[in-house]
Amino acid sequence: MPTILPKDADNNPLPVMRLRNGGAHVVNVTDVSARNSVAFDAGTKVVSLYATGPVFLRFGDAAVTASGGDHYFPDGVYYDVAIGGGKTKSATHVAAIRVGGDCQLFISEKE
């Protein structure tokens, strides 16, 4: 059955989720890779992203860094991303590096 619900890394549809209290992050993105300073909650399976400028992104652990060869994420787009669940280990951080000028990446954990 087709669905427009977000899907996890195992391609399973996720029901509509609410914002996690204490799960808001802001990353100041420059020409040096930066990541969220506080790890995502272990129960978080989806994060919503919004960037005020185009960035390159990489998900991983507390040591993750982004580079110009990572996933391009445009500015002005609100997007849900599955960060784990099921058989896939959850990412705890997202790193970003700017494409052009300095900007901010807003991250919201969902539960």
PDB file of N, CA and C in Angstrom:
ATOM      1  N   MET A   1       0.841  -1.181   0.000  1.00  0.00           N
ATOM      2  CA  MET A   1       0.000   0.000   0.000  1.00  0.00           C
ATOM      3  C   MET A   1       0.886   1.244   0.000  1.00  0.00           C
ATOM      4  N   PRO A   2       0.705   2.151  -0.940  1.00  0.00           N
ATOM      5  CA  PRO A   2       1.519   3.369  -0.992  1.00  0.00           C
ATOM      6  C   PRO A   2       1.282   4.254   0.235  1.00  0.00           C
ATOM      7  N   THR A   3       2.336   4.943   0.658  1.00  0.00           N
ATOM      8  CA  THR A   3       2.218   5.859   1.781  1.00  0.00           C
ATOM      9  C   THR A   3       3.102   7.079   1.553  1.00  0.00           C
ATOM     10  N   ILE A   4       2.705   8.200   2.114  1.00  0.00           N
ATOM     11  CA  ILE A   4       3.556   9.387   2.066  1.00  0.00           C
ATOM     12  C   ILE A   4       4.194   9.636   3.435  1.00  0.00           C
ATOM     13  N   LEU A   5       4.035   8.660   4.352  1.00  0.00           N
ATOM     14  CA  LEU A   5       4.695   8.763   5.644  1.00  0.00           C
ATOM     15  C   LEU A   5       6.205   8.648   5.471  1.00  0.00           C
ATOM     16  N   PRO A   6       6.978   9.282   6.365  1.00  0.00           N
ATOM     17  CA  PRO A   6       8.424   9.082   6.297  1.00  0.00           C
ATOM     18  C   PRO A   6       8.749   7.619   6.564  1.00  0.00           C
ATOM     19  N   LYS A   7       9.887   7.160   6.045  1.00  0.00           N
ATOM     20  CA  LYS A   7      10.283   5.767   6.217  1.00  0.00           C
ATOM     21  C   LYS A   7      11.613   5.698   6.953  1.00  0.00           C
ATOM     22  N   ASP A   8      11.806   4.606   7.718  1.00  0.00           N
ATOM     23  CA  ASP A   8      13.067   4.421   8.410  1.00  0.00           C
ATOM     24  C   ASP A   8      14.097   3.835   7.449  1.00  0.00           C
ATOM     25  N   ALA A   9      15.289   3.572   7.961  1.00  0.00           N
ATOM     26  CA  ALA A   9      16.374   3.072   7.118  1.00  0.00           C
ATOM     27  C   ALA A   9      16.091   1.688   6.545  1.00  0.00           C
ATOM     28  N   ASP A  10      15.130   0.977   7.140  1.00  0.00           N
ATOM     29  CA  ASP A  10      14.734  -0.335   6.619  1.00  0.00           C
ATOM     30  C   ASP A  10      13.526  -0.247   5.698  1.00  0.00           C
ATOM     31  N   ASN A  11      13.154   0.988   5.301  1.00  0.00           N
ATOM     32  CA  ASN A  11      12.048   1.268   4.392  1.00  0.00           C
ATOM     33  C   ASN A  11      10.678   0.967   4.992  1.00  0.00           C
ATOM     34  N   ASN A  12      10.579   0.986   6.318  1.00  0.00           N
ATOM     35  CA  ASN A  12       9.299   0.791   6.992  1.00  0.00           C
ATOM     36  C   ASN A  12       8.638   2.143   7.215  1.00  0.00           C
ATOM     37  N   PRO A  13       7.347   2.286   6.864  1.00  0.00           N
ATOM     38  CA  PRO A  13       6.662   3.559   7.107  1.00  0.00           C
ATOM     39  C   PRO A  13       6.599   3.863   8.604  1.00  0.00           C
ATOM     40  N   LEU A  14       6.816   5.121   8.946  1.00  0.00           N
ATOM     41  CA  LEU A  14       6.737   5.573  10.329  1.00  0.00           C
ATOM     42  C   LEU A  14       5.468   6.386  10.509  1.00  0.00           C
ATOM     43  N   PRO A  15       4.746   6.178  11.596  1.00  0.00           N
ATOM     44  CA  PRO A  15       3.561   6.996  11.841  1.00  0.00           C
ATOM     45  C   PRO A  15       3.981   8.441  12.115  1.00  0.00           C
ATOM     46  N   VAL A  16       3.037   9.338  12.007  1.00  0.00           N
ATOM     47  CA  VAL A  16       3.324  10.738  12.279  1.00  0.00           C
ATOM     48  C   VAL A  16       3.924  10.839  13.672  1.00  0.00           C
ATOM     49  N   MET A  17       4.946  11.642  13.800  1.00  0.00           N
ATOM     50  CA  MET A  17       5.689  11.719  15.051  1.00  0.00           C
ATOM     51  C   MET A  17       5.610  13.123  15.630  1.00  0.00           C
ATOM     52  N   ARG A  18       5.832  13.205  16.942  1.00  0.00           N
ATOM     53  CA  ARG A  18       5.818  14.513  17.581  1.00  0.00           C
ATOM     54  C   ARG A  18       7.247  14.947  17.881  1.00  0.00           C
ATOM     55  N   LEU A  19       7.416  16.237  18.088  1.00  0.00           N
ATOM     56  CA  LEU A  19       8.722  16.776  18.436  1.00  0.00           C
ATOM     57  C   LEU A  19       9.109  16.317  19.833  1.00  0.00           C
ATOM     58  N   ARG A  20      10.348  15.897  20.001  1.00  0.00           N
ATOM     59  CA  ARG A  20      10.849  15.423  21.295  1.00  0.00           C
ATOM     60  C   ARG A  20      11.215  16.627  22.161  1.00  0.00           C
ATOM     61  N   ASN A  21      10.657  16.706  23.373  1.00  0.00           N
ATOM     62  CA  ASN A  21      11.048  17.759  24.302  1.00  0.00           C
ATOM     63  C   ASN A  21      12.546  17.660  24.566  1.00  0.00           C
ATOM     64  N   GLY A  22      13.241  18.787  24.490  1.00  0.00           N
ATOM     65  CA  GLY A  22      14.691  18.796  24.679  1.00  0.00           C
ATOM     66  C   GLY A  22      15.460  18.321  23.464  1.00  0.00           C
ATOM     67  N   GLY A  23      14.784  18.102  22.348  1.00  0.00           N
ATOM     68  CA  GLY A  23      15.426  17.559  21.157  1.00  0.00           C
ATOM     69  C   GLY A  23      15.665  18.566  20.056  1.00  0.00           C
ATOM     70  N   ALA A  24      15.755  19.852  20.404  1.00  0.00           N
ATOM     71  CA  ALA A  24      16.040  20.880  19.398  1.00  0.00           C
ATOM     72  C   ALA A  24      17.538  21.195  19.414  1.00  0.00           C
ATOM     73  N   HIS A  25      18.131  21.259  18.228  1.00  0.00           N
ATOM     74  CA  HIS A  25      19.554  21.540  18.096  1.00  0.00           C
ATOM     75  C   HIS A  25      19.748  22.626  17.036  1.00  0.00           C
ATOM     76  N   VAL A  26      20.759  23.464  17.238  1.00  0.00           N
ATOM     77  CA  VAL A  26      21.149  24.448  16.232  1.00  0.00           C
ATOM     78  C   VAL A  26      22.654  24.307  16.032  1.00  0.00           C
ATOM     79  N   VAL A  27      23.056  24.145  14.775  1.00  0.00           N
ATOM     80  CA  VAL A  27      24.470  24.048  14.439  1.00  0.00           C
ATOM     81  C   VAL A  27      24.830  25.267  13.602  1.00  0.00           C
ATOM     82  N   ASN A  28      25.829  26.020  14.040  1.00  0.00           N
ATOM     83  CA  ASN A  28      26.353  27.136  13.252  1.00  0.00           C
ATOM     84  C   ASN A  28      27.321  26.555  12.234  1.00  0.00           C
ATOM     85  N   VAL A  29      26.989  26.708  10.964  1.00  0.00           N
ATOM     86  CA  VAL A  29      27.729  26.054   9.889  1.00  0.00           C
ATOM     87  C   VAL A  29      28.658  27.063   9.207  1.00  0.00           C
ATOM     88  N   THR A  30      29.934  26.710   9.157  1.00  0.00           N
ATOM     89  CA  THR A  30      30.955  27.549   8.529  1.00  0.00           C
ATOM     90  C   THR A  30      31.757  26.703   7.550  1.00  0.00           C
ATOM     91  N   ASP A  31      32.975  27.146   7.237  1.00  0.00           N
ATOM     92  CA  ASP A  31      33.838  26.390   6.331  1.00  0.00           C
ATOM     93  C   ASP A  31      34.598  25.272   7.051  1.00  0.00           C
ATOM     94  N   VAL A  32      34.343  25.094   8.349  1.00  0.00           N
ATOM     95  CA  VAL A  32      34.912  24.005   9.144  1.00  0.00           C
ATOM     96  C   VAL A  32      33.755  23.126   9.602  1.00  0.00           C
ATOM     97  N   SER A  33      33.891  21.816   9.463  1.00  0.00           N
ATOM     98  CA  SER A  33      32.815  20.899   9.847  1.00  0.00           C
ATOM     99  C   SER A  33      32.386  21.129  11.298  1.00  0.00           C
ATOM    100  N   ALA A  34      31.070  21.163  11.516  1.00  0.00           N
ATOM    101  CA  ALA A  34      30.500  21.315  12.861  1.00  0.00           C
ATOM    102  C   ALA A  34      29.367  20.317  13.013  1.00  0.00           C
ATOM    103  N   ARG A  35      29.092  19.897  14.245  1.00  0.00           N
ATOM    104  CA  ARG A  35      28.028  18.918  14.497  1.00  0.00           C
ATOM    105  C   ARG A  35      27.266  19.307  15.753  1.00  0.00           C
ATOM    106  N   ASN A  36      26.113  18.668  15.963  1.00  0.00           N
ATOM    107  CA  ASN A  36      25.350  18.914  17.179  1.00  0.00           C
ATOM    108  C   ASN A  36      26.199  18.502  18.381  1.00  0.00           C
ATOM    109  N   SER A  37      26.212  19.354  19.414  1.00  0.00           N
ATOM    110  CA  SER A  37      27.074  19.109  20.577  1.00  0.00           C
ATOM    111  C   SER A  37      26.502  18.052  21.513  1.00  0.00           C
ATOM    112  N   VAL A  38      25.199  17.901  21.533  1.00  0.00           N
ATOM    113  CA  VAL A  38      24.537  16.904  22.380  1.00  0.00           C
ATOM    114  C   VAL A  38      24.007  15.788  21.484  1.00  0.00           C
ATOM    115  N   ALA A  39      24.301  14.546  21.856  1.00  0.00           N
ATOM    116  CA  ALA A  39      23.851  13.398  21.055  1.00  0.00           C
ATOM    117  C   ALA A  39      22.329  13.321  21.002  1.00  0.00           C
ATOM    118  N   PHE A  40      21.825  12.776  19.907  1.00  0.00           N
ATOM    119  CA  PHE A  40      20.398  12.509  19.801  1.00  0.00           C
ATOM    120  C   PHE A  40      20.013  11.480  20.859  1.00  0.00           C
ATOM    121  N   ASP A  41      18.800  11.579  21.372  1.00  0.00           N
ATOM    122  CA  ASP A  41      18.274  10.618  22.326  1.00  0.00           C
ATOM    123  C   ASP A  41      18.268   9.231  21.686  1.00  0.00           C
ATOM    124  N   ALA A  42      18.539   8.212  22.483  1.00  0.00           N
ATOM    125  CA  ALA A  42      18.594   6.837  21.965  1.00  0.00           C
ATOM    126  C   ALA A  42      17.282   6.407  21.324  1.00  0.00           C
ATOM    127  N   GLY A  43      16.162   7.003  21.730  1.00  0.00           N
ATOM    128  CA  GLY A  43      14.863   6.647  21.162  1.00  0.00           C
ATOM    129  C   GLY A  43      14.503   7.389  19.900  1.00  0.00           C
ATOM    130  N   THR A  44      15.321   8.347  19.497  1.00  0.00           N
ATOM    131  CA  THR A  44      15.036   9.126  18.295  1.00  0.00           C
ATOM    132  C   THR A  44      15.332   8.305  17.047  1.00  0.00           C
ATOM    133  N   LYS A  45      14.356   8.197  16.178  1.00  0.00           N
ATOM    134  CA  LYS A  45      14.523   7.457  14.917  1.00  0.00           C
ATOM    135  C   LYS A  45      14.460   8.370  13.700  1.00  0.00           C
ATOM    136  N   VAL A  46      13.919   9.585  13.899  1.00  0.00           N
ATOM    137  CA  VAL A  46      13.765  10.545  12.805  1.00  0.00           C
ATOM    138  C   VAL A  46      14.179  11.919  13.310  1.00  0.00           C
ATOM    139  N   VAL A  47      14.893  12.659  12.457  1.00  0.00           N
ATOM    140  CA  VAL A  47      15.180  14.067  12.736  1.00  0.00           C
ATOM    141  C   VAL A  47      14.671  14.889  11.564  1.00  0.00           C
ATOM    142  N   SER A  48      14.212  16.085  11.879  1.00  0.00           N
ATOM    143  CA  SER A  48      13.812  17.034  10.848  1.00  0.00           C
ATOM    144  C   SER A  48      14.930  18.058  10.712  1.00  0.00           C
ATOM    145  N   LEU A  49      15.243  18.420   9.476  1.00  0.00           N
ATOM    146  CA  LEU A  49      16.328  19.352   9.198  1.00  0.00           C
ATOM    147  C   LEU A  49      15.805  20.575   8.461  1.00  0.00           C
ATOM    148  N   TYR A  50      16.410  21.716   8.760  1.00  0.00           N
ATOM    149  CA  TYR A  50      16.147  22.949   8.020  1.00  0.00           C
ATOM    150  C   TYR A  50      17.429  23.767   8.055  1.00  0.00           C
ATOM    151  N   ALA A  51      17.928  24.183   6.919  1.00  0.00           N
ATOM    152  CA  ALA A  51      19.155  24.973   6.851  1.00  0.00           C
ATOM    153  C   ALA A  51      18.857  26.342   6.234  1.00  0.00           C
ATOM    154  N   THR A  52      19.515  27.372   6.761  1.00  0.00           N
ATOM    155  CA  THR A  52      19.327  28.728   6.234  1.00  0.00           C
ATOM    156  C   THR A  52      20.256  29.009   5.055  1.00  0.00           C
ATOM    157  N   GLY A  53      21.116  28.077   4.735  1.00  0.00           N
ATOM    158  CA  GLY A  53      21.996  28.149   3.571  1.00  0.00           C
ATOM    159  C   GLY A  53      22.309  26.730   3.139  1.00  0.00           C
ATOM    160  N   PRO A  54      22.773  26.512   1.914  1.00  0.00           N
ATOM    161  CA  PRO A  54      23.075  25.154   1.464  1.00  0.00           C
ATOM    162  C   PRO A  54      24.277  24.580   2.216  1.00  0.00           C
ATOM    163  N   VAL A  55      24.184  23.285   2.565  1.00  0.00           N
ATOM    164  CA  VAL A  55      25.232  22.618   3.331  1.00  0.00           C
ATOM    165  C   VAL A  55      25.478  21.213   2.783  1.00  0.00           C
ATOM    166  N   PHE A  56      26.607  20.637   3.187  1.00  0.00           N
ATOM    167  CA  PHE A  56      26.880  19.221   2.977  1.00  0.00           C
ATOM    168  C   PHE A  56      26.717  18.545   4.331  1.00  0.00           C
ATOM    169  N   LEU A  57      26.063  17.369   4.367  1.00  0.00           N
ATOM    170  CA  LEU A  57      25.742  16.678   5.618  1.00  0.00           C
ATOM    171  C   LEU A  57      26.327  15.282   5.663  1.00  0.00           C
ATOM    172  N   ARG A  58      26.659  14.859   6.886  1.00  0.00           N
ATOM    173  CA  ARG A  58      27.024  13.456   7.128  1.00  0.00           C
ATOM    174  C   ARG A  58      26.519  13.070   8.518  1.00  0.00           C
ATOM    175  N   PHE A  59      25.843  11.920   8.622  1.00  0.00           N
ATOM    176  CA  PHE A  59      25.371  11.401   9.898  1.00  0.00           C
ATOM    177  C   PHE A  59      26.365  10.387  10.436  1.00  0.00           C
ATOM    178  N   GLY A  60      26.482  10.312  11.773  1.00  0.00           N
ATOM    179  CA  GLY A  60      27.394   9.350  12.382  1.00  0.00           C
ATOM    180  C   GLY A  60      27.415   9.466  13.888  1.00  0.00           C
ATOM    181  N   ASP A  61      28.596   9.214  14.458  1.00  0.00           N
ATOM    182  CA  ASP A  61      28.745   9.251  15.909  1.00  0.00           C
ATOM    183  C   ASP A  61      29.330  10.595  16.350  1.00  0.00           C
ATOM    184  N   ALA A  62      29.825  10.663  17.579  1.00  0.00           N
ATOM    185  CA  ALA A  62      30.317  11.921  18.149  1.00  0.00           C
ATOM    186  C   ALA A  62      31.566  12.457  17.450  1.00  0.00           C
ATOM    187  N   ALA A  63      32.183  11.658  16.603  1.00  0.00           N
ATOM    188  CA  ALA A  63      33.387  12.097  15.891  1.00  0.00           C
ATOM    189  C   ALA A  63      33.126  12.396  14.410  1.00  0.00           C
ATOM    190  N   VAL A  64      31.882  12.334  13.967  1.00  0.00           N
ATOM    191  CA  VAL A  64      31.562  12.516  12.549  1.00  0.00           C
ATOM    192  C   VAL A  64      31.970  13.912  12.074  1.00  0.00           C
ATOM    193  N   THR A  65      32.504  13.976  10.857  1.00  0.00           N
ATOM    194  CA  THR A  65      32.826  15.257  10.225  1.00  0.00           C
ATOM    195  C   THR A  65      32.264  15.249   8.806  1.00  0.00           C
ATOM    196  N   ALA A  66      31.906  16.430   8.330  1.00  0.00           N
ATOM    197  CA  ALA A  66      31.362  16.579   6.978  1.00  0.00           C
ATOM    198  C   ALA A  66      32.431  17.176   6.063  1.00  0.00           C
ATOM    199  N   SER A  67      32.288  16.872   4.780  1.00  0.00           N
ATOM    200  CA  SER A  67      33.186  17.436   3.774  1.00  0.00           C
ATOM    201  C   SER A  67      32.376  17.753   2.518  1.00  0.00           C
ATOM    202  N   GLY A  68      33.025  18.382   1.569  1.00  0.00           N
ATOM    203  CA  GLY A  68      32.368  18.759   0.323  1.00  0.00           C
ATOM    204  C   GLY A  68      31.919  17.583  -0.523  1.00  0.00           C
ATOM    205  N   GLY A  69      32.324  16.377  -0.187  1.00  0.00           N
ATOM    206  CA  GLY A  69      31.913  15.193  -0.920  1.00  0.00           C
ATOM    207  C   GLY A  69      30.707  14.496  -0.319  1.00  0.00           C
ATOM    208  N   ASP A  70      30.150  15.045   0.759  1.00  0.00           N
ATOM    209  CA  ASP A  70      29.010  14.425   1.426  1.00  0.00           C
ATOM    210  C   ASP A  70      27.695  14.863   0.784  1.00  0.00           C
ATOM    211  N   HIS A  71      26.589  14.471   1.406  1.00  0.00           N
ATOM    212  CA  HIS A  71      25.264  14.745   0.849  1.00  0.00           C
ATOM    213  C   HIS A  71      24.968  16.242   0.849  1.00  0.00           C
ATOM    214  N   TYR A  72      24.556  16.729  -0.301  1.00  0.00           N
ATOM    215  CA  TYR A  72      24.161  18.134  -0.451  1.00  0.00           C
ATOM    216  C   TYR A  72      22.757  18.309   0.110  1.00  0.00           C
ATOM    217  N   PHE A  73      22.567  19.353   0.919  1.00  0.00           N
ATOM    218  CA  PHE A  73      21.252  19.676   1.457  1.00  0.00           C
ATOM    219  C   PHE A  73      20.983  21.146   1.181  1.00  0.00           C
ATOM    220  N   PRO A  74      19.931  21.459   0.427  1.00  0.00           N
ATOM    221  CA  PRO A  74      19.665  22.843   0.039  1.00  0.00           C
ATOM    222  C   PRO A  74      19.078  23.665   1.185  1.00  0.00           C
ATOM    223  N   ASP A  75      19.157  24.959   1.053  1.00  0.00           N
ATOM    224  CA  ASP A  75      18.549  25.840   2.051  1.00  0.00           C
ATOM    225  C   ASP A  75      17.048  25.954   1.811  1.00  0.00           C
ATOM    226  N   GLY A  76      16.335  26.316   2.883  1.00  0.00           N
ATOM    227  CA  GLY A  76      14.911  26.583   2.764  1.00  0.00           C
ATOM    228  C   GLY A  76      14.025  25.367   2.623  1.00  0.00           C
ATOM    229  N   VAL A  77      14.558  24.167   2.890  1.00  0.00           N
ATOM    230  CA  VAL A  77      13.787  22.932   2.776  1.00  0.00           C
ATOM    231  C   VAL A  77      13.655  22.310   4.160  1.00  0.00           C
ATOM    232  N   TYR A  78      12.434  21.948   4.554  1.00  0.00           N
ATOM    233  CA  TYR A  78      12.195  21.226   5.809  1.00  0.00           C
ATOM    234  C   TYR A  78      12.054  19.766   5.435  1.00  0.00           C
ATOM    235  N   TYR A  79      12.925  18.903   5.996  1.00  0.00           N
ATOM    236  CA  TYR A  79      12.983  17.528   5.526  1.00  0.00           C
ATOM    237  C   TYR A  79      13.175  16.567   6.697  1.00  0.00           C
ATOM    238  N   ASP A  80      12.434  15.463   6.701  1.00  0.00           N
ATOM    239  CA  ASP A  80      12.584  14.419   7.714  1.00  0.00           C
ATOM    240  C   ASP A  80      13.550  13.354   7.213  1.00  0.00           C
ATOM    241  N   VAL A  81      14.455  12.929   8.106  1.00  0.00           N
ATOM    242  CA  VAL A  81      15.446  11.912   7.772  1.00  0.00           C
ATOM    243  C   VAL A  81      15.416  10.821   8.837  1.00  0.00           C
ATOM    244  N   ALA A  82      15.315   9.555   8.401  1.00  0.00           N
ATOM    245  CA  ALA A  82      15.425   8.427   9.329  1.00  0.00           C
ATOM    246  C   ALA A  82      16.890   8.275   9.709  1.00  0.00           C
ATOM    247  N   ILE A  83      17.178   8.163  11.010  1.00  0.00           N
ATOM    248  CA  ILE A  83      18.567   8.041  11.451  1.00  0.00           C
ATOM    249  C   ILE A  83      18.870   6.670  12.031  1.00  0.00           C
ATOM    250  N   GLY A  84      17.927   5.748  11.962  1.00  0.00           N
ATOM    251  CA  GLY A  84      18.165   4.397  12.454  1.00  0.00           C
ATOM    252  C   GLY A  84      16.874   3.728  12.845  1.00  0.00           C
ATOM    253  N   GLY A  85      17.032   2.595  13.477  1.00  0.00           N
ATOM    254  CA  GLY A  85      15.874   1.816  13.903  1.00  0.00           C
ATOM    255  C   GLY A  85      15.888   0.463  13.232  1.00  0.00           C
ATOM    256  N   GLY A  86      15.170  -0.448  13.799  1.00  0.00           N
ATOM    257  CA  GLY A  86      15.144  -1.794  13.230  1.00  0.00           C
ATOM    258  C   GLY A  86      16.517  -2.419  13.300  1.00  0.00           C
ATOM    259  N   LYS A  87      17.027  -2.864  12.173  1.00  0.00           N
ATOM    260  CA  LYS A  87      18.329  -3.520  12.111  1.00  0.00           C
ATOM    261  C   LYS A  87      19.478  -2.530  11.948  1.00  0.00           C
ATOM    262  N   THR A  88      19.159  -1.261  11.775  1.00  0.00           N
ATOM    263  CA  THR A  88      20.177  -0.260  11.514  1.00  0.00           C
ATOM    264  C   THR A  88      20.528   0.505  12.789  1.00  0.00           C
ATOM    265  N   LYS A  89      21.822   0.628  13.078  1.00  0.00           N
ATOM    266  CA  LYS A  89      22.275   1.392  14.239  1.00  0.00           C
ATOM    267  C   LYS A  89      21.941   2.869  14.033  1.00  0.00           C
ATOM    268  N   SER A  90      21.457   3.512  15.084  1.00  0.00           N
ATOM    269  CA  SER A  90      21.079   4.920  14.993  1.00  0.00           C
ATOM    270  C   SER A  90      22.283   5.838  14.993  1.00  0.00           C
ATOM    271  N   ALA A  91      22.219   6.882  14.177  1.00  0.00           N
ATOM    272  CA  ALA A  91      23.228   7.940  14.216  1.00  0.00           C
ATOM    273  C   ALA A  91      22.973   8.779  15.460  1.00  0.00           C
ATOM    274  N   THR A  92      24.031   9.284  16.065  1.00  0.00           N
ATOM    275  CA  THR A  92      23.888  10.129  17.258  1.00  0.00           C
ATOM    276  C   THR A  92      24.136  11.591  16.960  1.00  0.00           C
ATOM    277  N   HIS A  93      24.741  11.878  15.819  1.00  0.00           N
ATOM    278  CA  HIS A  93      25.103  13.249  15.463  1.00  0.00           C
ATOM    279  C   HIS A  93      24.966  13.454  13.952  1.00  0.00           C
ATOM    280  N   VAL A  94      24.862  14.723  13.562  1.00  0.00           N
ATOM    281  CA  VAL A  94      24.940  15.103  12.155  1.00  0.00           C
ATOM    282  C   VAL A  94      25.961  16.235  12.054  1.00  0.00           C
ATOM    283  N   ALA A  95      26.854  16.101  11.097  1.00  0.00           N
ATOM    284  CA  ALA A  95      27.867  17.128  10.857  1.00  0.00           C
ATOM    285  C   ALA A  95      27.518  17.862   9.573  1.00  0.00           C
ATOM    286  N   ALA A  96      27.881  19.137   9.524  1.00  0.00           N
ATOM    287  CA  ALA A  96      27.592  19.957   8.347  1.00  0.00           C
ATOM    288  C   ALA A  96      28.758  20.889   8.068  1.00  0.00           C
ATOM    289  N   ILE A  97      28.918  21.214   6.789  1.00  0.00           N
ATOM    290  CA  ILE A  97      29.885  22.210   6.337  1.00  0.00           C
ATOM    291  C   ILE A  97      29.190  23.029   5.251  1.00  0.00           C
ATOM    292  N   ARG A  98      29.466  24.314   5.230  1.00  0.00           N
ATOM    293  CA  ARG A  98      28.743  25.194   4.304  1.00  0.00           C
ATOM    294  C   ARG A  98      29.142  24.952   2.856  1.00  0.00           C
ATOM    295  N   VAL A  99      28.237  25.303   1.962  1.00  0.00           N
ATOM    296  CA  VAL A  99      28.510  25.287   0.525  1.00  0.00           C
ATOM    297  C   VAL A  99      28.961  26.679   0.102  1.00  0.00           C
ATOM    298  N   GLY A 100      28.267  27.706   0.596  1.00  0.00           N
ATOM    299  CA  GLY A 100      28.595  29.095   0.276  1.00  0.00           C
ATOM    300  C   GLY A 100      28.943  29.861   1.534  1.00  0.00           C
ATOM    301  N   GLY A 101      28.015  30.721   1.969  1.00  0.00           N
ATOM    302  CA  GLY A 101      28.235  31.522   3.164  1.00  0.00           C
ATOM    303  C   GLY A 101      27.834  30.795   4.436  1.00  0.00           C
ATOM    304  N   ASP A 102      28.274  31.344   5.572  1.00  0.00           N
ATOM    305  CA  ASP A 102      27.911  30.790   6.870  1.00  0.00           C
ATOM    306  C   ASP A 102      26.394  30.768   7.017  1.00  0.00           C
ATOM    307  N   CYS A 103      25.889  29.769   7.734  1.00  0.00           N
ATOM    308  CA  CYS A 103      24.444  29.619   7.927  1.00  0.00           C
ATOM    309  C   CYS A 103      24.186  28.815   9.188  1.00  0.00           C
ATOM    310  N   GLN A 104      22.939  28.470   9.404  1.00  0.00           N
ATOM    311  CA  GLN A 104      22.563  27.641  10.541  1.00  0.00           C
ATOM    312  C   GLN A 104      21.784  26.427  10.060  1.00  0.00           C
ATOM    313  N   LEU A 105      21.998  25.323  10.759  1.00  0.00           N
ATOM    314  CA  LEU A 105      21.247  24.096  10.524  1.00  0.00           C
ATOM    315  C   LEU A 105      20.411  23.842  11.772  1.00  0.00           C
ATOM    316  N   PHE A 106      19.101  23.784  11.600  1.00  0.00           N
ATOM    317  CA  PHE A 106      18.182  23.512  12.699  1.00  0.00           C
ATOM    318  C   PHE A 106      17.788  22.043  12.632  1.00  0.00           C
ATOM    319  N   ILE A 107      17.886  21.349  13.765  1.00  0.00           N
ATOM    320  CA  ILE A 107      17.612  19.921  13.839  1.00  0.00           C
ATOM    321  C   ILE A 107      16.566  19.695  14.917  1.00  0.00           C
ATOM    322  N   SER A 108      15.513  18.959  14.587  1.00  0.00           N
ATOM    323  CA  SER A 108      14.478  18.627  15.564  1.00  0.00           C
ATOM    324  C   SER A 108      14.335  17.115  15.632  1.00  0.00           C
ATOM    325  N   GLU A 109      14.527  16.564  16.840  1.00  0.00           N
ATOM    326  CA  GLU A 109      14.318  15.131  17.039  1.00  0.00           C
ATOM    327  C   GLU A 109      12.823  14.867  17.133  1.00  0.00           C
ATOM    328  N   LYS A 110      12.408  13.713  16.593  1.00  0.00           N
ATOM    329  CA  LYS A 110      11.002  13.322  16.652  1.00  0.00           C
ATOM    330  C   LYS A 110      10.871  11.963  17.316  1.00  0.00           C
ATOM    331  N   GLU A 111       9.747  11.821  18.021  1.00  0.00           N
ATOM    332  CA  GLU A 111       9.463  10.536  18.680  1.00  0.00           C
ATOM    333  C   GLU A 111       8.064  10.077  18.373  1.00  0.00           C
TER     334      GLU A 111
END
